[in-house]
C-alpha atoms as a PDB file:
ATOM      1  CA  MET A   1       0.000   0.000   0.000  1.00  0.00           C
ATOM      2  CA  LYS A   2       1.201   3.528  -0.793  1.00  0.00           C
ATOM      3  CA  LYS A   3       0.481   6.929   0.686  1.00  0.00           C
ATOM      4  CA  ILE A   4       0.570   9.921  -1.637  1.00  0.00           C
ATOM      5  CA  GLU A   5       0.811  13.351  -0.013  1.00  0.00           C
ATOM      6  CA  ALA A   6       0.472  16.417  -2.190  1.00  0.00           C
ATOM      7  CA  TYR A   7       0.880  20.012  -1.086  1.00  0.00           C
ATOM      8  CA  ILE A   8      -0.729  22.374  -3.592  1.00  0.00           C
ATOM      9  CA  ARG A   9      -2.038  25.906  -3.950  1.00  0.00           C
ATOM     10  CA  PRO A  10      -5.573  26.083  -2.458  1.00  0.00           C
ATOM     11  CA  GLU A  11      -6.974  27.654  -5.625  1.00  0.00           C
ATOM     12  CA  LYS A  12      -5.925  24.526  -7.566  1.00  0.00           C
ATOM     13  CA  LEU A  13      -7.759  22.086  -5.271  1.00  0.00           C
ATOM     14  CA  GLN A  14     -10.917  21.749  -7.391  1.00  0.00           C
ATOM     15  CA  LEU A  15      -8.879  21.235 -10.581  1.00  0.00           C
ATOM     16  CA  VAL A  16      -6.804  18.516  -8.882  1.00  0.00           C
ATOM     17  CA  LYS A  17      -9.912  16.820  -7.467  1.00  0.00           C
ATOM     18  CA  ASP A  18     -11.524  16.824 -10.923  1.00  0.00           C
ATOM     19  CA  ALA A  19      -8.347  15.392 -12.505  1.00  0.00           C
ATOM     20  CA  LEU A  20      -8.247  12.597  -9.906  1.00  0.00           C
ATOM     21  CA  ASP A  21     -11.957  11.859 -10.474  1.00  0.00           C
ATOM     22  CA  LYS A  22     -11.249  11.398 -14.198  1.00  0.00           C
ATOM     23  CA  ILE A  23      -8.731   8.638 -13.477  1.00  0.00           C
ATOM     24  CA  GLY A  24     -10.968   6.917 -10.929  1.00  0.00           C
ATOM     25  CA  ILE A  25      -9.447   8.193  -7.673  1.00  0.00           C
ATOM     26  CA  LYS A  26     -12.414   9.097  -5.484  1.00  0.00           C
ATOM     27  CA  SER A  27     -11.076   8.656  -1.938  1.00  0.00           C
ATOM     28  CA  LEU A  28      -8.873  11.406  -0.560  1.00  0.00           C
ATOM     29  CA  THR A  29      -8.481  13.552   2.514  1.00  0.00           C
ATOM     30  CA  VAL A  30      -7.863  17.300   2.325  1.00  0.00           C
ATOM     31  CA  PHE A  31      -6.294  19.490   4.997  1.00  0.00           C
ATOM     32  CA  ASP A  32      -5.856  23.261   5.089  1.00  0.00           C
ATOM     33  CA  VAL A  33      -2.237  23.809   6.102  1.00  0.00           C
ATOM     34  CA  ARG A  34       0.322  26.597   6.189  1.00  0.00           C
ATOM     35  CA  GLY A  35       4.018  26.351   5.503  1.00  0.00           C
ATOM     36  CA  ARG A  36       6.926  27.630   3.501  1.00  0.00           C
ATOM     37  CA  GLY A  37       9.397  26.197   1.099  1.00  0.00           C
ATOM     38  CA  ALA A  38      12.913  27.123   0.077  1.00  0.00           C
ATOM     39  CA  GLN A  39      11.804  30.617  -0.943  1.00  0.00           C
ATOM     40  CA  GLY A  40      11.151  31.415   2.749  1.00  0.00           C
ATOM     41  CA  GLY A  41       7.742  33.014   2.285  1.00  0.00           C
ATOM     42  CA  ILE A  42       6.514  35.856   0.096  1.00  0.00           C
ATOM     43  CA  LYS A  43       7.780  39.419   0.167  1.00  0.00           C
ATOM     44  CA  LEU A  44       4.994  41.973  -0.303  1.00  0.00           C
ATOM     45  CA  THR A  45       4.719  45.748  -0.399  1.00  0.00           C
ATOM     46  CA  GLY A  46       1.785  47.517   1.228  1.00  0.00           C
ATOM     47  CA  ARG A  47       0.891  50.907   2.635  1.00  0.00           C
ATOM     48  CA  VAL A  48       3.094  50.232   5.654  1.00  0.00           C
ATOM     49  CA  GLY A  49       6.097  49.302   3.507  1.00  0.00           C
ATOM     50  CA  ASP A  50       7.723  45.975   2.678  1.00  0.00           C
ATOM     51  CA  TYR A  51       6.869  42.904   4.727  1.00  0.00           C
ATOM     52  CA  THR A  52       7.235  39.129   4.494  1.00  0.00           C
ATOM     53  CA  VAL A  53       4.474  36.569   4.843  1.00  0.00           C
ATOM     54  CA  ASP A  54       6.417  33.670   6.357  1.00  0.00           C
ATOM     55  CA  PHE A  55       3.795  30.949   6.060  1.00  0.00           C
ATOM     56  CA  ILE A  56       1.760  30.425   2.905  1.00  0.00           C
ATOM     57  CA  ASP A  57      -1.672  28.749   2.831  1.00  0.00           C
ATOM     58  CA  LYS A  58      -1.619  25.358   1.091  1.00  0.00           C
ATOM     59  CA  SER A  59      -3.960  22.410   0.655  1.00  0.00           C
ATOM     60  CA  LYS A  60      -2.606  19.014   1.636  1.00  0.00           C
ATOM     61  CA  LEU A  61      -4.086  15.932  -0.011  1.00  0.00           C
ATOM     62  CA  GLU A  62      -3.602  12.419   1.324  1.00  0.00           C
ATOM     63  CA  ILE A  63      -4.417   9.490  -0.914  1.00  0.00           C
ATOM     64  CA  PHE A  64      -3.942   5.835   0.023  1.00  0.00           C
ATOM     65  CA  VAL A  65      -3.827   3.301  -2.811  1.00  0.00           C
ATOM     66  CA  ASN A  66      -3.172  -0.397  -3.253  1.00  0.00           C
ATOM     67  CA  CYS A  67       0.209  -1.428  -4.574  1.00  0.00           C
ATOM     68  CA  GLY A  68      -1.224  -2.441  -7.949  1.00  0.00           C
ATOM     69  CA  THR A  69      -2.497   1.089  -8.613  1.00  0.00           C
ATOM     70  CA  ASP A  70      -0.763   3.128 -11.311  1.00  0.00           C
ATOM     71  CA  ILE A  71       1.026   5.690  -9.136  1.00  0.00           C
ATOM     72  CA  GLU A  72       2.469   7.527 -12.155  1.00  0.00           C
ATOM     73  CA  SER A  73      -1.004   8.372 -13.477  1.00  0.00           C
ATOM     74  CA  ILE A  74      -1.914   9.864 -10.085  1.00  0.00           C
ATOM     75  CA  ILE A  75       1.298  11.902  -9.979  1.00  0.00           C
ATOM     76  CA  THR A  76       0.711  13.166 -13.513  1.00  0.00           C
ATOM     77  CA  ALA A  77      -2.921  14.083 -12.781  1.00  0.00           C
ATOM     78  CA  ILE A  78      -1.965  16.042  -9.659  1.00  0.00           C
ATOM     79  CA  ALA A  79       1.030  17.773 -11.224  1.00  0.00           C
ATOM     80  CA  ASP A  80      -0.741  18.748 -14.452  1.00  0.00           C
ATOM     81  CA  ALA A  81      -3.756  20.152 -12.601  1.00  0.00           C
ATOM     82  CA  ALA A  82      -1.762  21.925  -9.864  1.00  0.00           C
ATOM     83  CA  ARG A  83       0.913  23.488 -12.071  1.00  0.00           C
ATOM     84  CA  THR A  84       0.637  27.198 -12.850  1.00  0.00           C
ATOM     85  CA  GLU A  85       1.523  28.348 -16.347  1.00  0.00           C
ATOM     86  CA  PRO A  86       3.095  25.896 -18.788  1.00  0.00           C
ATOM     87  CA  ASN A  87       6.371  25.587 -16.853  1.00  0.00           C
ATOM     88  CA  GLY A  88       5.106  26.226 -13.326  1.00  0.00           C
ATOM     89  CA  ARG A  89       6.284  28.651 -10.651  1.00  0.00           C
ATOM     90  CA  PRO A  90       7.868  28.316  -7.213  1.00  0.00           C
ATOM     91  CA  GLY A  91       5.159  27.477  -4.690  1.00  0.00           C
ATOM     92  CA  ASP A  92       3.165  25.187  -6.996  1.00  0.00           C
ATOM     93  CA  GLY A  93       3.688  22.389  -4.469  1.00  0.00           C
ATOM     94  CA  LYS A  94       5.249  19.011  -3.901  1.00  0.00           C
ATOM     95  CA  ILE A  95       4.211  15.354  -4.014  1.00  0.00           C
ATOM     96  CA  PHE A  96       5.556  12.739  -1.588  1.00  0.00           C
ATOM     97  CA  ILE A  97       5.090   8.971  -1.855  1.00  0.00           C
ATOM     98  CA  SER A  98       5.707   6.561   0.987  1.00  0.00           C
ATOM     99  CA  GLU A  99       5.070   2.943   1.894  1.00  0.00           C
ATOM    100  CA  VAL A 100       2.298   2.108   4.348  1.00  0.00           C
ATOM    101  CA  GLU A 101       3.075  -0.871   6.531  1.00  0.00           C
ATOM    102  CA  ASP A 102      -0.513  -1.744   7.381  1.00  0.00           C
ATOM    103  CA  ALA A 103      -4.036  -0.336   7.561  1.00  0.00           C
ATOM    104  CA  ILE A 104      -6.929  -1.379   9.757  1.00  0.00           C
ATOM    105  CA  ARG A 105     -10.586  -0.555   9.118  1.00  0.00           C
ATOM    106  CA  ILE A 106     -12.140   0.217  12.502  1.00  0.00           C
ATOM    107  CA  ARG A 107     -15.617  -1.053  11.598  1.00  0.00           C
ATOM    108  CA  ASP A 108     -14.642  -4.712  11.123  1.00  0.00           C
ATOM    109  CA  LEU A 109     -10.894  -4.785  11.846  1.00  0.00           C
ATOM    110  CA  ALA A 110     -10.136  -5.751   8.235  1.00  0.00           C
ATOM    111  CA  ARG A 111      -6.447  -5.281   7.453  1.00  0.00           C
ATOM    112  CA  GLY A 112      -4.158  -4.607   4.541  1.00  0.00           C
ATOM    113  CA  GLU A 113      -4.908  -3.986   0.887  1.00  0.00           C
ATOM    114  CA  GLU A 114      -8.673  -4.525   1.171  1.00  0.00           C
ATOM    115  CA  VAL A 115      -8.966  -1.487   3.457  1.00  0.00           C
ATOM    116  CA  CYS A 116      -8.121   0.932   0.632  1.00  0.00           C
END
């Protein structure tokens, strides 16, 4: 079983959800999170002068899939829908993939691949 975590711009969430729906991925969890990447936040200018917004709003998606699932199609769907402009910009997000050792459904204590 695999866990896919994607951090994307909040305004791209609906586009990513629609792209995942098209390839048959219906189950996902979404979190509203804040963070910053290598750029260290955003520098803005306002009436009070220059200031930095250290933490940027992001949407975090968690998707759990069975090992036989085509992970590359999920990555492509997320990246294509979340990318800004043809070549993207800093802050478009990141995708992380990790192994899940086990999963247990609380309702009936089923374990493993059948839980996803």
